[in-house]
Amino acid sequence: MIADLLSNPEFQRLEKEYKFLSRARAKVTELENFPYIVLDIETTGLEPAKHEITEIAALKIEKKEVVDIFNTLIKPKQKIPYQITQLTGITQEMVDDKPSFKEIIPQFLTFIKGFNLVAHNSAFDIPFIKHHLGLNDKTLDNKTLCSLKISRLFLPQLRNHKLNTVAEHFGITAKNRHRAMGDVEATFQLWFKLLELSKKKNIYDLDDLLKIC
């Protein structure tokens, strides 16, 4: 395994003499050191064209450390359905005095600018965000990684790959499920567990992970 090789004392000795070996080490730590935004949203339903975003939470990660937080409830134009309140705990009263999606766009786009995005089931979150940005003549061009798709590849033995199931596999307690920040916190912890698995499968490159996603 490449990771075992890099920890070998003889390799470390040679590394001081041959600079190209240092580049091999950099390759191994590349994925962990990339800047990431781990994000999650809550919505009034399942279809981007019919439903709206009620909450966005995001953690800005640099070198495995949280360096900034974005977290806001959003007032949708439509009323929050009862069944959605039952699922997420977000009531109409909680969002009545909150900003609209249009109002939070400038701050949100500034927050994520230049960062890779990580989401669990990005096929849900990203289309929602793109659609509602598009309604306001804005675009989302960030590279996106999906921890759900990666977990399916790395952990095929699990009964399913929902966030709480994969988190439990790694001993991560997913608190405040179905609230954006609760899901972001669980995904943040899960993400670096998946990066450790990627090393065991000799995947050290961001582009390789993007292909999986």
N, C-alpha and C. Protein backbone atom coordinates (compact mmCIF):
# COMPACT_ATOMS: atom_id res chain seq x y z
N MET A 1 0.84 -1.19 0.00
CA MET A 1 0.00 0.00 0.00
C MET A 1 0.88 1.25 0.00
N ILE A 2 0.44 2.27 -0.72
CA ILE A 2 1.23 3.50 -0.80
C ILE A 2 1.36 4.15 0.55
N ALA A 3 0.28 4.17 1.33
CA ALA A 3 0.33 4.81 2.65
C ALA A 3 1.36 4.13 3.55
N ASP A 4 1.46 2.79 3.48
CA ASP A 4 2.44 2.07 4.27
C ASP A 4 3.85 2.42 3.83
N LEU A 5 4.02 2.57 2.54
CA LEU A 5 5.33 2.93 2.01
C LEU A 5 5.79 4.28 2.53
N LEU A 6 4.89 5.23 2.57
CA LEU A 6 5.25 6.58 3.00
C LEU A 6 5.66 6.63 4.46
N SER A 7 5.15 5.72 5.27
CA SER A 7 5.50 5.70 6.68
C SER A 7 6.77 4.90 6.95
N ASN A 8 7.31 4.27 5.94
CA ASN A 8 8.52 3.47 6.09
C ASN A 8 9.73 4.38 6.32
N PRO A 9 10.54 4.11 7.35
CA PRO A 9 11.70 4.97 7.65
C PRO A 9 12.68 5.09 6.49
N GLU A 10 12.85 4.03 5.73
CA GLU A 10 13.77 4.09 4.59
C GLU A 10 13.26 5.04 3.53
N PHE A 11 11.94 4.99 3.29
CA PHE A 11 11.35 5.94 2.34
C PHE A 11 11.55 7.37 2.82
N GLN A 12 11.35 7.59 4.10
CA GLN A 12 11.50 8.92 4.66
C GLN A 12 12.94 9.42 4.52
N ARG A 13 13.90 8.52 4.65
CA ARG A 13 15.31 8.90 4.47
C ARG A 13 15.57 9.29 3.02
N LEU A 14 15.07 8.47 2.09
CA LEU A 14 15.28 8.76 0.67
C LEU A 14 14.54 10.02 0.23
N GLU A 15 13.44 10.27 0.89
CA GLU A 15 12.63 11.45 0.54
C GLU A 15 13.42 12.74 0.68
N LYS A 16 14.30 12.79 1.67
CA LYS A 16 15.11 13.99 1.88
C LYS A 16 16.08 14.23 0.72
N GLU A 17 16.46 13.16 0.06
CA GLU A 17 17.43 13.26 -1.04
C GLU A 17 16.76 13.42 -2.39
N TYR A 18 15.63 12.75 -2.57
CA TYR A 18 14.96 12.76 -3.87
C TYR A 18 13.61 13.49 -3.75
N LYS A 19 13.57 14.67 -4.32
CA LYS A 19 12.41 15.54 -4.14
C LYS A 19 11.13 14.97 -4.74
N PHE A 20 11.26 14.16 -5.78
CA PHE A 20 10.04 13.63 -6.41
C PHE A 20 9.28 12.73 -5.45
N LEU A 21 9.96 12.17 -4.46
CA LEU A 21 9.28 11.35 -3.46
C LEU A 21 8.39 12.20 -2.56
N SER A 22 8.78 13.44 -2.34
CA SER A 22 7.93 14.35 -1.57
C SER A 22 6.63 14.62 -2.28
N ARG A 23 6.69 14.64 -3.61
CA ARG A 23 5.46 14.84 -4.38
C ARG A 23 4.52 13.66 -4.20
N ALA A 24 5.09 12.47 -4.04
CA ALA A 24 4.24 11.29 -3.76
C ALA A 24 3.52 11.45 -2.43
N ARG A 25 4.22 11.97 -1.43
CA ARG A 25 3.59 12.19 -0.14
C ARG A 25 2.49 13.24 -0.25
N ALA A 26 2.77 14.29 -1.01
CA ALA A 26 1.77 15.35 -1.19
C ALA A 26 0.51 14.80 -1.84
N LYS A 27 0.69 13.84 -2.74
CA LYS A 27 -0.45 13.23 -3.40
C LYS A 27 -1.36 12.52 -2.40
N VAL A 28 -0.75 11.87 -1.42
CA VAL A 28 -1.51 11.11 -0.44
C VAL A 28 -2.35 12.04 0.44
N THR A 29 -1.80 13.19 0.79
CA THR A 29 -2.51 14.11 1.68
C THR A 29 -3.36 15.12 0.91
N GLU A 30 -3.34 15.03 -0.41
CA GLU A 30 -4.04 16.01 -1.24
C GLU A 30 -5.53 16.10 -0.91
N LEU A 31 -6.18 14.95 -0.81
CA LEU A 31 -7.62 14.96 -0.59
C LEU A 31 -7.99 15.59 0.75
N GLU A 32 -7.22 15.29 1.78
CA GLU A 32 -7.53 15.85 3.09
C GLU A 32 -7.29 17.35 3.13
N ASN A 33 -6.31 17.81 2.40
CA ASN A 33 -5.94 19.22 2.47
C ASN A 33 -6.71 20.12 1.52
N PHE A 34 -7.47 19.53 0.62
CA PHE A 34 -8.31 20.36 -0.24
C PHE A 34 -9.32 21.11 0.63
N PRO A 35 -9.64 22.34 0.26
CA PRO A 35 -10.70 23.06 0.98
C PRO A 35 -12.07 22.53 0.58
N TYR A 36 -12.93 22.34 1.56
CA TYR A 36 -14.27 21.81 1.32
C TYR A 36 -15.33 22.67 1.99
N ILE A 37 -16.51 22.67 1.39
CA ILE A 37 -17.72 23.16 2.05
C ILE A 37 -18.64 21.95 2.20
N VAL A 38 -18.93 21.55 3.42
CA VAL A 38 -19.90 20.49 3.67
C VAL A 38 -21.25 21.17 3.90
N LEU A 39 -22.24 20.80 3.08
CA LEU A 39 -23.52 21.52 3.17
C LEU A 39 -24.72 20.58 3.17
N ASP A 40 -25.84 21.13 3.61
CA ASP A 40 -27.11 20.41 3.60
C ASP A 40 -28.23 21.44 3.56
N ILE A 41 -29.36 21.04 3.00
CA ILE A 41 -30.53 21.92 2.96
C ILE A 41 -31.76 21.18 3.47
N GLU A 42 -32.75 21.96 3.92
CA GLU A 42 -34.09 21.45 4.18
C GLU A 42 -35.05 22.17 3.24
N THR A 43 -36.13 21.49 2.86
CA THR A 43 -37.02 22.03 1.83
C THR A 43 -38.49 21.79 2.21
N THR A 44 -39.37 22.38 1.42
CA THR A 44 -40.81 22.17 1.62
C THR A 44 -41.31 20.92 0.91
N GLY A 45 -40.46 20.24 0.17
CA GLY A 45 -40.86 19.04 -0.56
C GLY A 45 -39.68 18.47 -1.32
N LEU A 46 -39.96 17.59 -2.27
CA LEU A 46 -38.91 16.83 -2.94
C LEU A 46 -38.54 17.32 -4.33
N GLU A 47 -39.33 18.21 -4.92
CA GLU A 47 -39.11 18.61 -6.31
C GLU A 47 -38.66 20.06 -6.39
N PRO A 48 -37.47 20.31 -6.95
CA PRO A 48 -36.94 21.68 -7.01
C PRO A 48 -37.86 22.66 -7.72
N ALA A 49 -38.55 22.21 -8.78
CA ALA A 49 -39.41 23.13 -9.54
C ALA A 49 -40.70 23.47 -8.82
N LYS A 50 -41.09 22.65 -7.83
CA LYS A 50 -42.36 22.86 -7.13
C LYS A 50 -42.17 23.35 -5.70
N HIS A 51 -41.02 23.03 -5.11
CA HIS A 51 -40.83 23.28 -3.69
C HIS A 51 -39.67 24.24 -3.45
N GLU A 52 -39.54 24.65 -2.19
CA GLU A 52 -38.57 25.69 -1.86
C GLU A 52 -37.63 25.26 -0.74
N ILE A 53 -36.53 26.00 -0.60
CA ILE A 53 -35.54 25.75 0.44
C ILE A 53 -35.94 26.50 1.70
N THR A 54 -35.92 25.81 2.83
CA THR A 54 -36.27 26.44 4.11
C THR A 54 -35.07 26.61 5.04
N GLU A 55 -33.98 25.93 4.73
CA GLU A 55 -32.80 26.05 5.59
C GLU A 55 -31.56 25.63 4.82
N ILE A 56 -30.47 26.35 5.02
CA ILE A 56 -29.16 25.97 4.49
C ILE A 56 -28.16 26.03 5.63
N ALA A 57 -27.35 24.98 5.75
CA ALA A 57 -26.25 24.97 6.70
C ALA A 57 -24.99 24.51 5.96
N ALA A 58 -23.86 25.09 6.31
CA ALA A 58 -22.61 24.73 5.66
C ALA A 58 -21.43 24.98 6.60
N LEU A 59 -20.46 24.08 6.54
CA LEU A 59 -19.22 24.24 7.27
C LEU A 59 -18.10 24.40 6.26
N LYS A 60 -17.26 25.39 6.47
CA LYS A 60 -16.09 25.60 5.62
C LYS A 60 -14.90 24.90 6.28
N ILE A 61 -14.29 23.97 5.52
CA ILE A 61 -13.24 23.12 6.05
C ILE A 61 -11.92 23.39 5.34
N GLU A 62 -10.89 23.64 6.10
CA GLU A 62 -9.53 23.77 5.56
C GLU A 62 -8.59 22.92 6.41
N LYS A 63 -7.90 21.99 5.76
CA LYS A 63 -6.98 21.09 6.46
C LYS A 63 -7.67 20.39 7.64
N LYS A 64 -8.86 19.91 7.38
CA LYS A 64 -9.65 19.11 8.31
C LYS A 64 -10.21 19.91 9.48
N GLU A 65 -10.06 21.22 9.45
CA GLU A 65 -10.56 22.05 10.53
C GLU A 65 -11.70 22.95 10.03
N VAL A 66 -12.71 23.15 10.87
CA VAL A 66 -13.80 24.08 10.55
C VAL A 66 -13.29 25.50 10.74
N VAL A 67 -13.35 26.30 9.69
CA VAL A 67 -12.87 27.68 9.77
C VAL A 67 -13.99 28.71 9.66
N ASP A 68 -15.18 28.28 9.22
CA ASP A 68 -16.30 29.23 9.13
C ASP A 68 -17.60 28.45 9.03
N ILE A 69 -18.70 29.11 9.39
CA ILE A 69 -20.03 28.47 9.41
C ILE A 69 -21.04 29.37 8.71
N PHE A 70 -21.89 28.75 7.91
CA PHE A 70 -23.04 29.44 7.30
C PHE A 70 -24.28 28.66 7.72
N ASN A 71 -25.24 29.33 8.34
CA ASN A 71 -26.43 28.61 8.81
C ASN A 71 -27.60 29.59 8.89
N THR A 72 -28.64 29.34 8.12
CA THR A 72 -29.79 30.22 8.16
C THR A 72 -31.07 29.49 7.80
N LEU A 73 -32.14 29.84 8.50
CA LEU A 73 -33.48 29.48 8.07
C LEU A 73 -33.89 30.44 6.96
N ILE A 74 -34.79 29.99 6.08
CA ILE A 74 -35.21 30.78 4.92
C ILE A 74 -36.73 30.78 4.85
N LYS A 75 -37.29 31.93 4.62
CA LYS A 75 -38.75 32.03 4.50
C LYS A 75 -39.18 31.71 3.07
N PRO A 76 -39.91 30.61 2.88
CA PRO A 76 -40.38 30.28 1.53
C PRO A 76 -41.63 31.09 1.20
N LYS A 77 -41.94 31.17 -0.08
CA LYS A 77 -43.16 31.86 -0.50
C LYS A 77 -44.40 31.03 -0.16
N GLN A 78 -44.25 29.70 -0.22
CA GLN A 78 -45.37 28.81 0.10
C GLN A 78 -45.32 28.42 1.57
N LYS A 79 -46.44 28.03 2.11
CA LYS A 79 -46.50 27.58 3.48
C LYS A 79 -45.80 26.23 3.63
N ILE A 80 -45.18 26.02 4.78
CA ILE A 80 -44.52 24.75 5.04
C ILE A 80 -45.58 23.69 5.34
N PRO A 81 -45.63 22.61 4.58
CA PRO A 81 -46.63 21.57 4.82
C PRO A 81 -46.47 20.92 6.20
N TYR A 82 -47.58 20.48 6.74
CA TYR A 82 -47.58 19.87 8.07
C TYR A 82 -46.62 18.68 8.14
N GLN A 83 -46.62 17.84 7.10
CA GLN A 83 -45.78 16.64 7.14
C GLN A 83 -44.30 16.99 7.11
N ILE A 84 -43.95 18.11 6.49
CA ILE A 84 -42.55 18.55 6.47
C ILE A 84 -42.15 19.05 7.86
N THR A 85 -43.05 19.76 8.50
CA THR A 85 -42.78 20.20 9.88
C THR A 85 -42.60 18.99 10.80
N GLN A 86 -43.40 17.96 10.59
CA GLN A 86 -43.28 16.74 11.39
C GLN A 86 -41.91 16.09 11.18
N LEU A 87 -41.40 16.16 9.96
CA LEU A 87 -40.11 15.53 9.62
C LEU A 87 -38.93 16.35 10.11
N THR A 88 -38.95 17.66 9.84
CA THR A 88 -37.78 18.50 10.10
C THR A 88 -37.84 19.27 11.41
N GLY A 89 -39.07 19.48 11.91
CA GLY A 89 -39.22 20.32 13.09
C GLY A 89 -39.25 21.80 12.78
N ILE A 90 -39.17 22.16 11.50
CA ILE A 90 -39.21 23.56 11.10
C ILE A 90 -40.66 23.99 10.91
N THR A 91 -41.12 24.93 11.72
CA THR A 91 -42.49 25.40 11.65
C THR A 91 -42.59 26.69 10.85
N GLN A 92 -43.80 27.04 10.47
CA GLN A 92 -44.02 28.29 9.75
C GLN A 92 -43.60 29.49 10.60
N GLU A 93 -43.87 29.42 11.88
CA GLU A 93 -43.52 30.52 12.79
C GLU A 93 -42.01 30.74 12.85
N MET A 94 -41.25 29.66 12.71
CA MET A 94 -39.79 29.76 12.78
C MET A 94 -39.20 30.53 11.61
N VAL A 95 -39.89 30.52 10.46
CA VAL A 95 -39.32 31.15 9.26
C VAL A 95 -40.00 32.47 8.88
N ASP A 96 -41.09 32.81 9.56
CA ASP A 96 -41.85 34.00 9.15
C ASP A 96 -41.03 35.28 9.15
N ASP A 97 -40.05 35.39 10.06
CA ASP A 97 -39.25 36.61 10.12
C ASP A 97 -37.84 36.43 9.55
N LYS A 98 -37.66 35.34 8.78
CA LYS A 98 -36.34 35.04 8.22
C LYS A 98 -36.22 35.60 6.79
N PRO A 99 -35.00 35.73 6.28
CA PRO A 99 -34.82 36.25 4.92
C PRO A 99 -35.32 35.28 3.86
N SER A 100 -35.63 35.80 2.70
CA SER A 100 -35.99 34.96 1.55
C SER A 100 -34.73 34.35 0.97
N PHE A 101 -34.90 33.36 0.09
CA PHE A 101 -33.73 32.77 -0.57
C PHE A 101 -32.99 33.83 -1.37
N LYS A 102 -33.71 34.69 -2.05
CA LYS A 102 -33.08 35.73 -2.84
C LYS A 102 -32.19 36.61 -1.98
N GLU A 103 -32.62 36.88 -0.77
CA GLU A 103 -31.86 37.77 0.11
C GLU A 103 -30.56 37.15 0.61
N ILE A 104 -30.54 35.82 0.73
CA ILE A 104 -29.32 35.19 1.27
C ILE A 104 -28.32 34.82 0.17
N ILE A 105 -28.71 34.95 -1.10
CA ILE A 105 -27.84 34.52 -2.20
C ILE A 105 -26.46 35.17 -2.15
N PRO A 106 -26.35 36.49 -2.04
CA PRO A 106 -25.00 37.10 -2.07
C PRO A 106 -24.07 36.53 -1.00
N GLN A 107 -24.56 36.41 0.22
CA GLN A 107 -23.74 35.89 1.31
C GLN A 107 -23.38 34.43 1.07
N PHE A 108 -24.35 33.65 0.60
CA PHE A 108 -24.11 32.23 0.37
C PHE A 108 -23.07 32.01 -0.73
N LEU A 109 -23.21 32.71 -1.84
CA LEU A 109 -22.25 32.53 -2.94
C LEU A 109 -20.86 33.00 -2.55
N THR A 110 -20.76 34.04 -1.75
CA THR A 110 -19.46 34.48 -1.26
C THR A 110 -18.85 33.42 -0.36
N PHE A 111 -19.68 32.81 0.47
CA PHE A 111 -19.20 31.79 1.42
C PHE A 111 -18.62 30.58 0.69
N ILE A 112 -19.25 30.12 -0.38
CA ILE A 112 -18.82 28.88 -1.05
C ILE A 112 -17.83 29.12 -2.19
N LYS A 113 -17.55 30.36 -2.52
CA LYS A 113 -16.70 30.67 -3.67
C LYS A 113 -15.33 30.00 -3.55
N GLY A 114 -14.96 29.26 -4.61
CA GLY A 114 -13.64 28.64 -4.68
C GLY A 114 -13.50 27.34 -3.91
N PHE A 115 -14.59 26.83 -3.34
CA PHE A 115 -14.51 25.61 -2.53
C PHE A 115 -15.22 24.45 -3.21
N ASN A 116 -14.69 23.23 -3.01
CA ASN A 116 -15.40 22.03 -3.40
C ASN A 116 -16.57 21.83 -2.45
N LEU A 117 -17.69 21.33 -2.96
CA LEU A 117 -18.86 21.09 -2.13
C LEU A 117 -18.98 19.60 -1.83
N VAL A 118 -19.33 19.29 -0.59
CA VAL A 118 -19.57 17.91 -0.16
C VAL A 118 -20.98 17.84 0.42
N ALA A 119 -21.78 16.89 -0.06
CA ALA A 119 -23.12 16.70 0.48
C ALA A 119 -23.44 15.21 0.48
N HIS A 120 -24.26 14.80 1.43
CA HIS A 120 -24.73 13.41 1.43
C HIS A 120 -26.02 13.37 0.62
N ASN A 121 -25.95 12.68 -0.50
CA ASN A 121 -27.01 12.68 -1.51
C ASN A 121 -27.07 14.05 -2.19
N SER A 122 -25.97 14.40 -2.82
CA SER A 122 -25.88 15.69 -3.52
C SER A 122 -26.89 15.77 -4.66
N ALA A 123 -27.39 14.63 -5.13
CA ALA A 123 -28.38 14.63 -6.21
C ALA A 123 -29.69 15.27 -5.77
N PHE A 124 -29.87 15.42 -4.47
CA PHE A 124 -31.02 16.15 -3.95
C PHE A 124 -30.67 17.62 -3.71
N ASP A 125 -29.64 17.86 -2.94
CA ASP A 125 -29.31 19.23 -2.52
C ASP A 125 -28.91 20.14 -3.69
N ILE A 126 -28.02 19.66 -4.53
CA ILE A 126 -27.44 20.53 -5.56
C ILE A 126 -28.48 20.96 -6.60
N PRO A 127 -29.33 20.07 -7.12
CA PRO A 127 -30.37 20.53 -8.06
C PRO A 127 -31.29 21.58 -7.45
N PHE A 128 -31.62 21.42 -6.17
CA PHE A 128 -32.45 22.42 -5.50
C PHE A 128 -31.76 23.78 -5.50
N ILE A 129 -30.51 23.78 -5.08
CA ILE A 129 -29.77 25.04 -5.01
C ILE A 129 -29.60 25.65 -6.40
N LYS A 130 -29.24 24.82 -7.38
CA LYS A 130 -29.05 25.33 -8.74
C LYS A 130 -30.34 25.91 -9.30
N HIS A 131 -31.45 25.22 -9.07
CA HIS A 131 -32.73 25.68 -9.61
C HIS A 131 -33.10 27.04 -9.04
N HIS A 132 -32.97 27.18 -7.74
CA HIS A 132 -33.41 28.43 -7.12
C HIS A 132 -32.41 29.56 -7.34
N LEU A 133 -31.15 29.23 -7.53
CA LEU A 133 -30.20 30.24 -7.98
C LEU A 133 -30.56 30.70 -9.39
N GLY A 134 -30.91 29.72 -10.24
CA GLY A 134 -31.27 30.04 -11.62
C GLY A 134 -32.47 30.96 -11.72
N LEU A 135 -33.42 30.81 -10.81
CA LEU A 135 -34.59 31.69 -10.80
C LEU A 135 -34.19 33.13 -10.50
N ASN A 136 -32.99 33.28 -9.94
CA ASN A 136 -32.49 34.61 -9.61
C ASN A 136 -31.28 34.99 -10.47
N ASP A 137 -31.17 34.32 -11.63
CA ASP A 137 -30.11 34.61 -12.61
C ASP A 137 -28.71 34.40 -12.05
N LYS A 138 -28.57 33.40 -11.19
CA LYS A 138 -27.26 33.05 -10.64
C LYS A 138 -26.97 31.59 -10.96
N THR A 139 -25.70 31.22 -10.91
CA THR A 139 -25.30 29.85 -11.23
C THR A 139 -24.45 29.26 -10.09
N LEU A 140 -24.32 27.95 -10.12
CA LEU A 140 -23.47 27.23 -9.17
C LEU A 140 -22.48 26.41 -9.98
N ASP A 141 -21.19 26.75 -9.87
CA ASP A 141 -20.17 26.10 -10.68
C ASP A 141 -19.17 25.29 -9.86
N ASN A 142 -19.36 25.20 -8.57
CA ASN A 142 -18.42 24.48 -7.71
C ASN A 142 -18.41 22.99 -8.04
N LYS A 143 -17.24 22.36 -7.93
CA LYS A 143 -17.16 20.92 -8.04
C LYS A 143 -17.85 20.31 -6.82
N THR A 144 -18.59 19.21 -7.06
CA THR A 144 -19.40 18.62 -6.00
C THR A 144 -19.06 17.16 -5.79
N LEU A 145 -18.90 16.77 -4.53
CA LEU A 145 -18.65 15.39 -4.16
C LEU A 145 -19.80 14.87 -3.32
N CYS A 146 -20.16 13.61 -3.53
CA CYS A 146 -21.31 13.03 -2.85
C CYS A 146 -20.86 11.91 -1.92
N SER A 147 -21.00 12.12 -0.62
CA SER A 147 -20.57 11.09 0.33
C SER A 147 -21.46 9.86 0.26
N LEU A 148 -22.70 10.01 -0.20
CA LEU A 148 -23.56 8.84 -0.36
C LEU A 148 -23.04 7.92 -1.46
N LYS A 149 -22.71 8.49 -2.62
CA LYS A 149 -22.20 7.68 -3.73
C LYS A 149 -20.87 7.01 -3.38
N ILE A 150 -20.02 7.75 -2.68
CA ILE A 150 -18.73 7.19 -2.29
C ILE A 150 -18.92 6.06 -1.28
N SER A 151 -19.85 6.23 -0.35
CA SER A 151 -20.11 5.18 0.63
C SER A 151 -20.67 3.93 -0.03
N ARG A 152 -21.47 4.10 -1.08
CA ARG A 152 -21.99 2.93 -1.80
C ARG A 152 -20.86 2.12 -2.41
N LEU A 153 -19.85 2.81 -2.92
CA LEU A 153 -18.72 2.12 -3.54
C LEU A 153 -17.82 1.47 -2.49
N PHE A 154 -17.55 2.20 -1.41
CA PHE A 154 -16.60 1.72 -0.41
C PHE A 154 -17.23 0.75 0.59
N LEU A 155 -18.55 0.88 0.82
CA LEU A 155 -19.22 0.08 1.86
C LEU A 155 -20.45 -0.63 1.29
N PRO A 156 -20.26 -1.50 0.31
CA PRO A 156 -21.40 -2.14 -0.34
C PRO A 156 -22.18 -3.08 0.58
N GLN A 157 -21.57 -3.45 1.71
CA GLN A 157 -22.21 -4.41 2.62
C GLN A 157 -23.30 -3.78 3.48
N LEU A 158 -23.39 -2.46 3.55
CA LEU A 158 -24.39 -1.82 4.40
C LEU A 158 -25.79 -2.04 3.85
N ARG A 159 -26.78 -2.10 4.75
CA ARG A 159 -28.16 -2.36 4.34
C ARG A 159 -28.72 -1.24 3.47
N ASN A 160 -28.27 -0.01 3.71
CA ASN A 160 -28.57 1.14 2.86
C ASN A 160 -27.50 2.18 3.13
N HIS A 161 -27.56 3.29 2.44
CA HIS A 161 -26.50 4.29 2.58
C HIS A 161 -27.06 5.65 2.97
N LYS A 162 -28.16 5.60 3.72
CA LYS A 162 -28.68 6.82 4.31
C LYS A 162 -27.64 7.38 5.28
N LEU A 163 -27.73 8.67 5.54
CA LEU A 163 -26.71 9.32 6.37
C LEU A 163 -26.60 8.66 7.75
N ASN A 164 -27.73 8.39 8.39
CA ASN A 164 -27.66 7.83 9.73
C ASN A 164 -27.07 6.42 9.73
N THR A 165 -27.34 5.65 8.65
CA THR A 165 -26.81 4.28 8.56
C THR A 165 -25.30 4.29 8.40
N VAL A 166 -24.80 5.12 7.49
CA VAL A 166 -23.35 5.18 7.27
C VAL A 166 -22.65 5.78 8.48
N ALA A 167 -23.26 6.78 9.08
CA ALA A 167 -22.68 7.38 10.28
C ALA A 167 -22.56 6.35 11.40
N GLU A 168 -23.62 5.57 11.61
CA GLU A 168 -23.60 4.55 12.65
C GLU A 168 -22.50 3.52 12.40
N HIS A 169 -22.25 3.21 11.13
CA HIS A 169 -21.19 2.26 10.79
C HIS A 169 -19.84 2.72 11.33
N PHE A 170 -19.62 4.03 11.33
CA PHE A 170 -18.36 4.58 11.83
C PHE A 170 -18.43 5.02 13.29
N GLY A 171 -19.54 4.72 13.94
CA GLY A 171 -19.67 5.11 15.33
C GLY A 171 -19.96 6.59 15.53
N ILE A 172 -20.50 7.23 14.49
CA ILE A 172 -20.83 8.65 14.56
C ILE A 172 -22.29 8.80 14.95
N THR A 173 -22.55 9.60 15.95
CA THR A 173 -23.93 9.86 16.37
C THR A 173 -24.49 11.02 15.57
N ALA A 174 -25.53 10.75 14.79
CA ALA A 174 -26.14 11.79 13.96
C ALA A 174 -27.24 12.48 14.77
N LYS A 175 -26.90 13.63 15.36
CA LYS A 175 -27.85 14.38 16.18
C LYS A 175 -28.65 15.35 15.31
N ASN A 176 -29.84 15.70 15.80
CA ASN A 176 -30.69 16.68 15.11
C ASN A 176 -30.89 16.33 13.64
N ARG A 177 -31.19 15.05 13.37
CA ARG A 177 -31.44 14.60 12.00
C ARG A 177 -32.58 15.37 11.37
N HIS A 178 -32.44 15.65 10.08
CA HIS A 178 -33.41 16.39 9.28
C HIS A 178 -33.46 17.88 9.65
N ARG A 179 -32.45 18.35 10.37
CA ARG A 179 -32.15 19.77 10.43
C ARG A 179 -30.82 19.93 9.74
N ALA A 180 -30.68 21.01 8.98
CA ALA A 180 -29.53 21.14 8.09
C ALA A 180 -28.19 21.05 8.83
N MET A 181 -28.04 21.77 9.94
CA MET A 181 -26.75 21.75 10.62
C MET A 181 -26.47 20.40 11.27
N GLY A 182 -27.50 19.73 11.77
CA GLY A 182 -27.30 18.40 12.33
C GLY A 182 -26.76 17.43 11.28
N ASP A 183 -27.34 17.49 10.09
CA ASP A 183 -26.89 16.62 9.00
C ASP A 183 -25.49 17.02 8.50
N VAL A 184 -25.20 18.30 8.50
CA VAL A 184 -23.87 18.77 8.09
C VAL A 184 -22.80 18.27 9.06
N GLU A 185 -23.09 18.35 10.35
CA GLU A 185 -22.12 17.90 11.35
C GLU A 185 -21.81 16.42 11.19
N ALA A 186 -22.85 15.61 10.92
CA ALA A 186 -22.64 14.18 10.72
C ALA A 186 -21.86 13.93 9.43
N THR A 187 -22.20 14.65 8.36
CA THR A 187 -21.52 14.48 7.08
C THR A 187 -20.05 14.88 7.19
N PHE A 188 -19.77 15.94 7.93
CA PHE A 188 -18.40 16.40 8.14
C PHE A 188 -17.57 15.28 8.77
N GLN A 189 -18.09 14.66 9.82
CA GLN A 189 -17.34 13.57 10.47
C GLN A 189 -17.21 12.36 9.54
N LEU A 190 -18.29 12.06 8.83
CA LEU A 190 -18.30 10.93 7.92
C LEU A 190 -17.31 11.11 6.77
N TRP A 191 -17.22 12.33 6.27
CA TRP A 191 -16.40 12.60 5.09
C TRP A 191 -14.96 12.16 5.28
N PHE A 192 -14.38 12.47 6.42
CA PHE A 192 -12.97 12.15 6.62
C PHE A 192 -12.76 10.67 6.92
N LYS A 193 -13.79 9.99 7.38
CA LYS A 193 -13.74 8.53 7.47
C LYS A 193 -13.68 7.92 6.07
N LEU A 194 -14.45 8.49 5.15
CA LEU A 194 -14.45 8.00 3.77
C LEU A 194 -13.12 8.28 3.08
N LEU A 195 -12.51 9.41 3.40
CA LEU A 195 -11.20 9.71 2.82
C LEU A 195 -10.15 8.71 3.30
N GLU A 196 -10.27 8.28 4.55
CA GLU A 196 -9.35 7.24 5.04
C GLU A 196 -9.55 5.95 4.26
N LEU A 197 -10.79 5.60 3.97
CA LEU A 197 -11.06 4.40 3.17
C LEU A 197 -10.51 4.55 1.76
N SER A 198 -10.56 5.76 1.23
CA SER A 198 -10.07 5.98 -0.14
C SER A 198 -8.59 5.64 -0.24
N LYS A 199 -7.83 5.93 0.81
CA LYS A 199 -6.40 5.60 0.80
C LYS A 199 -6.20 4.09 0.69
N LYS A 200 -7.02 3.34 1.42
CA LYS A 200 -6.90 1.88 1.39
C LYS A 200 -7.22 1.32 0.01
N LYS A 201 -7.98 2.08 -0.76
CA LYS A 201 -8.32 1.67 -2.12
C LYS A 201 -7.44 2.36 -3.16
N ASN A 202 -6.35 2.98 -2.67
CA ASN A 202 -5.37 3.66 -3.53
C ASN A 202 -5.99 4.78 -4.35
N ILE A 203 -6.94 5.47 -3.76
CA ILE A 203 -7.52 6.66 -4.38
C ILE A 203 -7.03 7.87 -3.59
N TYR A 204 -6.21 8.69 -4.24
CA TYR A 204 -5.59 9.83 -3.57
C TYR A 204 -5.84 11.14 -4.28
N ASP A 205 -6.63 11.09 -5.32
CA ASP A 205 -6.77 12.25 -6.20
C ASP A 205 -8.21 12.75 -6.20
N LEU A 206 -8.36 14.06 -6.13
CA LEU A 206 -9.69 14.66 -6.14
C LEU A 206 -10.44 14.29 -7.41
N ASP A 207 -9.77 14.30 -8.54
CA ASP A 207 -10.43 13.97 -9.80
C ASP A 207 -10.98 12.54 -9.79
N ASP A 208 -10.27 11.63 -9.14
CA ASP A 208 -10.78 10.25 -9.05
C ASP A 208 -12.07 10.20 -8.25
N LEU A 209 -12.14 10.95 -7.16
CA LEU A 209 -13.36 10.99 -6.38
C LEU A 209 -14.49 11.66 -7.15
N LEU A 210 -14.16 12.68 -7.90
CA LEU A 210 -15.17 13.35 -8.71
C LEU A 210 -15.76 12.41 -9.74
N LYS A 211 -14.94 11.54 -10.30
CA LYS A 211 -15.43 10.57 -11.27
C LYS A 211 -16.43 9.62 -10.61
N ILE A 212 -16.16 9.22 -9.38
CA ILE A 212 -17.08 8.35 -8.65
C ILE A 212 -18.42 9.07 -8.46
N CYS A 213 -18.34 10.36 -8.24
CA CYS A 213 -19.56 11.13 -7.93
C CYS A 213 -20.29 11.57 -9.18
